[in-house]
Protein backbone atom coordinates (compact mmCIF):
# COMPACT_ATOMS: atom_id res chain seq x y z
CA MET A 1 0.00 0.00 0.00
CA GLU A 2 1.24 3.46 -0.80
CA MET A 3 -0.03 6.88 0.30
CA THR A 4 1.07 10.48 0.40
CA ALA A 5 2.36 12.12 3.56
CA VAL A 6 -0.73 14.37 3.63
CA GLU A 7 -3.02 11.31 3.46
CA PHE A 8 -1.02 9.58 6.17
CA LYS A 9 -1.19 12.64 8.41
CA THR A 10 -5.00 12.74 8.23
CA LYS A 11 -5.49 8.97 8.63
CA CYS A 12 -2.51 8.09 10.87
CA ILE A 13 -4.33 6.05 13.55
CA GLU A 14 -6.50 4.28 10.98
CA VAL A 15 -3.44 3.36 8.89
CA MET A 16 -1.56 2.08 11.95
CA GLU A 17 -4.53 -0.17 12.84
CA HIS A 18 -4.60 -1.48 9.26
CA VAL A 19 -0.87 -2.32 9.40
CA LYS A 20 -1.29 -4.01 12.78
CA GLU A 21 -4.29 -6.14 11.75
CA ASP A 22 -3.40 -7.01 8.15
CA HIS A 23 0.42 -7.13 8.52
CA GLU A 24 0.73 -5.00 5.40
CA GLU A 25 3.48 -2.43 4.85
CA VAL A 26 2.59 1.15 3.96
CA ILE A 27 4.97 3.29 1.90
CA ILE A 28 4.61 7.02 2.62
CA THR A 29 5.53 9.33 -0.25
CA GLN A 30 6.24 13.01 -0.59
CA GLU A 31 5.90 14.51 -4.06
CA GLY A 32 5.89 10.99 -5.50
CA THR A 33 9.12 9.94 -3.78
CA PRO A 34 9.06 7.26 -1.05
CA VAL A 35 10.26 8.77 2.25
CA ALA A 36 9.14 6.28 4.91
CA LYS A 37 7.80 2.77 5.39
CA LEU A 38 5.37 1.75 8.14
CA VAL A 39 5.73 -1.96 8.92
CA PRO A 40 4.05 -4.24 11.48
CA TYR A 41 5.89 -4.58 14.78
CA GLU A 42 7.51 -7.95 15.48
CA ASP A 43 8.57 -8.85 19.01
CA ASP A 44 12.22 -9.93 18.82
CA ASP A 45 12.16 -11.08 22.46
CA GLU A 46 10.06 -14.15 21.68
CA ASP A 47 11.96 -17.44 21.85
CA PRO A 48 12.57 -18.86 18.38
CA VAL A 49 10.87 -22.17 17.63
CA SER A 50 13.36 -25.01 17.87
CA LEU A 51 13.54 -27.37 14.91
CA PHE A 52 14.71 -30.17 17.21
CA GLY A 53 11.73 -32.46 17.81
CA TYR A 54 9.48 -30.28 15.64
CA MET A 55 8.00 -33.28 13.77
CA LYS A 56 7.69 -35.54 16.83
CA GLY A 57 4.55 -37.64 16.67
CA SER A 58 3.89 -36.93 12.99
CA VAL A 59 5.36 -40.18 11.59
CA LYS A 60 3.87 -43.64 11.94
CA ILE A 61 6.15 -46.67 11.59
CA ASN A 62 4.61 -49.76 10.02
CA GLY A 63 6.52 -53.01 10.46
CA ASN A 64 10.19 -53.61 11.20
CA ILE A 65 12.44 -50.85 9.88
CA ILE A 66 15.68 -52.15 11.42
CA ASP A 67 16.21 -55.64 9.95
CA PRO A 68 17.73 -55.86 6.44
CA ILE A 69 15.49 -56.76 3.52
CA ASP A 70 16.22 -59.44 0.92
CA GLU A 71 16.33 -57.05 -1.98
CA LYS A 72 19.45 -56.03 -3.92
CA TRP A 73 20.01 -52.40 -4.72
CA GLU A 74 21.95 -50.98 -7.62
CA ALA A 75 23.78 -47.70 -7.44
CA GLU A 76 25.04 -45.58 -10.31
CA PHE A 77 28.30 -43.70 -10.07
C-alpha cells in the first residue's frame, strides 16, 4: 500500500490499525518519492521455535524398519 504524507497525516491512527491487523506495509511518499515505510511490529524477544523435535509424533512406523530386507540395490556412479 502506498499513500502520500498528507493522506497519512490525516489517517494516521487508521493506517496504523490497518498495518497491525493485516500485517501489510505502507509506503509514505512526498511529491511521488518514497520517504518512509510503516511496517508491522515484530517482538524480537520471543523465543525462536526449535527445529529439534518439531516433527515428533507426525510419523507412523509400520513393520520392522531395522532388519535388512532381501532385496538387492543398484547404485550408479
